[in-house]
């Protein structure tokens, strides 16, 4: 009931406090704070409720491009349905950052926003044995720019795209990033193999020279 009330208030443009949600839901403040000890905890719970089944996403595909496309296609519609909640969480995160910079945030708990990291790593799992750890992390970080409320804000607010168009751009970008990372990894392996082969040829020549010199 309180989460539904909080999400309804977020749709009206608010980042409600625990007290405001308690009043709107007609429950006591003591009860509200027992469930949500801080505004950050309340907003975080609302975000998790908005994400819902996205947090449990799974894919039977082995192809990483298809897995990433599936994750975005599965997630974006629900993100858009609960867009107000995700925007409120982003606003709170930005507000907390500003108050930390100003030294006025006190001991207020920090809102945690890291679900995309876990989901993207899960989607990229088949590449964990193919890409080196540095490239794997870089790919995950790059994909995070196309997955989440920040990406939808850029695509919808700045570019004026529809929900469907935003999803298409995100899928296209994600596929391109995966292909680029795989190609880059292949070039690195080829270069490494060539270097090893060259080293072995040089060593072989040196062994032959030593053997010839040692002959009576």
Protein backbone atom coordinates (compact mmCIF):
# COMPACT_ATOMS: atom_id res chain seq x y z
CA UNK A 1 0.00 0.00 0.00
CA UNK A 2 2.77 2.45 0.91
CA UNK A 3 4.80 1.60 -2.18
CA UNK A 4 1.76 2.08 -4.40
CA UNK A 5 1.14 5.43 -2.74
CA UNK A 6 4.78 6.44 -3.16
CA UNK A 7 4.74 5.53 -6.84
CA UNK A 8 1.49 7.44 -7.34
CA UNK A 9 3.05 10.54 -5.76
CA UNK A 10 6.10 10.14 -7.99
CA UNK A 11 3.85 10.17 -11.05
CA UNK A 12 2.68 13.60 -9.94
CA UNK A 13 6.29 14.83 -10.05
CA UNK A 14 7.23 14.47 -6.37
CA UNK A 15 10.09 12.73 -4.63
CA UNK A 16 8.01 12.01 -1.55
CA UNK A 17 9.41 11.79 1.94
CA UNK A 18 8.45 8.94 4.23
CA UNK A 19 6.18 11.31 6.16
CA UNK A 20 4.40 12.45 2.99
CA UNK A 21 3.77 8.88 1.92
CA UNK A 22 2.52 7.99 5.39
CA UNK A 23 0.06 10.87 5.32
CA UNK A 24 -1.17 10.06 1.81
CA UNK A 25 -1.50 6.35 2.65
CA UNK A 26 -3.23 7.19 5.95
CA UNK A 27 -0.81 5.24 8.12
CA UNK A 28 1.10 6.46 11.13
CA UNK A 29 4.57 7.89 10.69
CA UNK A 30 5.89 5.36 13.20
CA UNK A 31 4.59 2.51 11.04
CA UNK A 32 5.96 4.11 7.86
CA UNK A 33 9.43 4.61 9.31
CA UNK A 34 9.43 1.06 10.63
CA UNK A 35 9.19 -0.20 7.05
CA UNK A 36 11.21 2.58 5.40
CA UNK A 37 13.69 4.23 7.77
CA UNK A 38 14.75 6.81 5.19
CA UNK A 39 13.64 8.47 1.96
CA UNK A 40 16.41 6.62 0.14
CA UNK A 41 15.09 3.27 1.41
CA UNK A 42 11.57 4.22 0.29
CA UNK A 43 12.63 5.30 -3.18
CA UNK A 44 14.89 2.26 -3.56
CA UNK A 45 12.00 -0.05 -2.69
CA UNK A 46 9.76 1.75 -5.19
CA UNK A 47 12.41 1.33 -7.90
CA UNK A 48 12.76 -2.38 -7.15
CA UNK A 49 8.97 -2.74 -7.29
CA UNK A 50 8.95 -0.89 -10.61
CA UNK A 51 11.67 -3.10 -12.03
CA UNK A 52 9.83 -6.20 -10.84
CA UNK A 53 10.48 -9.15 -13.18
CA UNK A 54 13.41 -7.35 -14.81
CA UNK A 55 15.47 -8.19 -11.74
CA UNK A 56 14.86 -11.90 -12.41
CA UNK A 57 15.57 -11.73 -16.15
CA UNK A 58 16.98 -14.87 -17.75
CA UNK A 59 17.72 -15.81 -21.35
CA UNK A 60 18.07 -19.27 -22.90
CA UNK A 61 20.14 -17.84 -25.78
CA UNK A 62 23.89 -18.44 -26.02
CA UNK A 63 24.49 -15.69 -28.58
CA UNK A 64 25.45 -12.55 -26.65
CA UNK A 65 23.96 -10.13 -29.19
CA UNK A 66 20.61 -11.88 -28.81
CA UNK A 67 20.90 -11.91 -25.03
CA UNK A 68 21.56 -8.16 -24.88
CA UNK A 69 18.76 -7.42 -27.35
CA UNK A 70 16.41 -9.61 -25.32
CA UNK A 71 17.34 -7.88 -22.05
CA UNK A 72 16.63 -4.44 -23.52
CA UNK A 73 13.42 -5.54 -25.24
CA UNK A 74 12.26 -7.15 -21.98
CA UNK A 75 13.23 -4.21 -19.78
CA UNK A 76 12.44 -1.04 -21.70
CA UNK A 77 8.63 -1.39 -21.77
CA UNK A 78 8.48 -1.82 -17.99
CA UNK A 79 10.97 1.02 -17.44
CA UNK A 80 8.69 3.26 -19.48
CA UNK A 81 5.60 2.14 -17.56
CA UNK A 82 7.31 3.14 -14.30
CA UNK A 83 9.28 6.01 -15.81
CA UNK A 84 8.20 8.48 -13.12
CA UNK A 85 9.60 6.23 -10.38
CA UNK A 86 12.96 5.86 -12.12
CA UNK A 87 13.16 9.60 -12.81
CA UNK A 88 12.43 10.30 -9.15
CA UNK A 89 15.24 7.95 -8.11
CA UNK A 90 17.62 9.70 -10.47
CA UNK A 91 16.57 13.11 -9.14
CA UNK A 92 17.17 11.94 -5.57
CA UNK A 93 20.60 10.56 -6.52
CA UNK A 94 21.56 13.88 -8.13
CA UNK A 95 20.22 15.82 -5.16
CA UNK A 96 22.21 13.66 -2.75
CA UNK A 97 25.36 14.20 -4.84
CA UNK A 98 24.88 17.97 -4.71
CA UNK A 99 24.39 17.91 -0.95
CA UNK A 100 27.45 15.68 -0.46
CA UNK A 101 29.49 18.18 -2.46
CA UNK A 102 28.14 20.99 -0.29
CA UNK A 103 28.74 19.01 2.89
CA UNK A 104 25.09 19.25 3.94
CA UNK A 105 23.89 15.66 3.49
CA UNK A 106 24.76 14.57 7.02
CA UNK A 107 24.31 10.86 7.70
CA UNK A 108 21.44 10.40 5.23
CA UNK A 109 21.66 6.92 3.66
CA UNK A 110 22.75 6.93 0.04
CA UNK A 111 20.39 5.62 -2.61
CA UNK A 112 21.98 2.64 -4.34
CA UNK A 113 21.58 2.27 -8.10
CA UNK A 114 23.43 -0.77 -9.41
CA UNK A 115 20.95 -3.29 -10.81
CA UNK A 116 22.07 -2.69 -14.40
CA UNK A 117 25.62 -3.84 -13.57
CA UNK A 118 24.42 -7.26 -12.44
CA UNK A 119 21.95 -7.65 -15.31
CA UNK A 120 24.44 -6.65 -18.00
CA UNK A 121 27.08 -9.00 -16.61
CA UNK A 122 24.51 -11.78 -16.67
CA UNK A 123 23.66 -11.00 -20.30
CA UNK A 124 27.35 -10.99 -21.25
CA UNK A 125 28.17 -14.16 -19.29
CA UNK A 126 28.91 -16.31 -22.40
CA UNK A 127 31.75 -13.91 -23.25
CA UNK A 128 33.45 -14.18 -19.85
CA UNK A 129 35.78 -16.87 -21.17
CA UNK A 130 36.33 -15.15 -24.52
CA UNK A 131 37.08 -11.56 -23.57
CA UNK A 132 39.87 -10.60 -21.22
CA UNK A 133 38.63 -9.09 -17.95
CA UNK A 134 39.55 -5.54 -18.96
CA UNK A 135 37.62 -5.71 -22.24
CA UNK A 136 34.69 -7.46 -20.53
CA UNK A 137 34.44 -4.68 -17.95
CA UNK A 138 34.78 -1.98 -20.60
CA UNK A 139 31.98 -3.55 -22.65
CA UNK A 140 29.74 -3.78 -19.58
CA UNK A 141 30.41 -0.14 -18.76
CA UNK A 142 29.71 0.97 -22.34
CA UNK A 143 26.45 -0.97 -22.46
CA UNK A 144 25.34 0.65 -19.21
CA UNK A 145 25.09 3.93 -21.15
CA UNK A 146 22.27 2.41 -23.24
CA UNK A 147 20.42 0.61 -20.46
CA UNK A 148 18.47 2.50 -17.81
CA UNK A 149 16.55 5.68 -17.22
CA UNK A 150 19.47 7.96 -18.19
CA UNK A 151 19.51 6.53 -21.73
CA UNK A 152 15.76 6.90 -22.10
CA UNK A 153 15.93 10.52 -20.93
CA UNK A 154 18.48 11.33 -23.63
CA UNK A 155 16.59 9.48 -26.35
CA UNK A 156 13.12 10.74 -25.42
CA UNK A 157 13.69 14.19 -23.92
CA UNK A 158 16.57 15.38 -26.08
CA UNK A 159 15.93 13.51 -29.32
CA UNK A 160 12.15 13.34 -29.02
CA UNK A 161 11.98 9.64 -29.85
CA UNK A 162 8.97 7.48 -29.14
CA UNK A 163 9.20 4.55 -26.75
CA UNK A 164 9.58 2.12 -29.66
CA UNK A 165 12.22 4.24 -31.38
CA UNK A 166 14.22 4.61 -28.18
CA UNK A 167 14.21 0.84 -27.71
CA UNK A 168 15.34 0.29 -31.30
CA UNK A 169 18.26 2.71 -30.91
CA UNK A 170 19.28 1.05 -27.65
CA UNK A 171 19.21 -2.43 -29.21
CA UNK A 172 21.15 -1.26 -32.28
CA UNK A 173 23.78 0.44 -30.13
CA UNK A 174 24.11 -2.55 -27.82
CA UNK A 175 24.56 -4.97 -30.73
CA UNK A 176 27.21 -2.69 -32.25
CA UNK A 177 29.13 -2.50 -28.98
CA UNK A 178 29.12 -6.30 -28.57
CA UNK A 179 30.37 -6.83 -32.14
CA UNK A 180 33.09 -4.22 -31.66
CA UNK A 181 34.30 -5.79 -28.41
CA UNK A 182 34.43 -9.28 -29.95
CA UNK A 183 36.27 -7.99 -33.03
CA UNK A 184 38.75 -6.07 -30.87
CA UNK A 185 39.39 -9.14 -28.76
CA UNK A 186 39.98 -11.20 -31.92
CA UNK A 187 42.52 -8.67 -33.21
CA UNK A 188 44.32 -8.72 -29.87
CA UNK A 189 44.49 -12.53 -29.91
CA UNK A 190 45.77 -12.55 -33.49
CA UNK A 191 48.45 -10.01 -32.62
CA UNK A 192 49.40 -11.96 -29.52
CA UNK A 193 49.59 -15.24 -31.46
CA UNK A 194 51.71 -13.59 -34.14
CA UNK A 195 54.05 -12.17 -31.50
CA UNK A 196 54.40 -15.57 -29.84
CA UNK A 197 55.10 -17.22 -33.20
CA UNK A 198 57.74 -14.63 -34.03
CA UNK A 199 59.35 -15.11 -30.63
CA UNK A 200 59.44 -18.87 -31.12
CA UNK A 201 61.02 -18.47 -34.57
CA UNK A 202 63.75 -16.23 -33.12
CA UNK A 203 64.40 -18.67 -30.29
CA UNK A 204 64.61 -21.55 -32.75
CA UNK A 205 67.14 -19.70 -34.87
CA UNK A 206 69.20 -18.86 -31.82
CA UNK A 207 69.20 -22.51 -30.73
CA UNK A 208 70.44 -23.58 -34.14
CA UNK A 209 73.21 -20.98 -34.06
CA UNK A 210 74.34 -22.16 -30.64
CA UNK A 211 74.29 -25.76 -31.79
CA UNK A 212 76.37 -24.94 -34.88
CA UNK A 213 78.93 -23.04 -32.81
CA UNK A 214 79.24 -25.94 -30.39
CA UNK A 215 80.16 -28.38 -33.19
CA UNK A 216 83.89 -29.36 -33.29
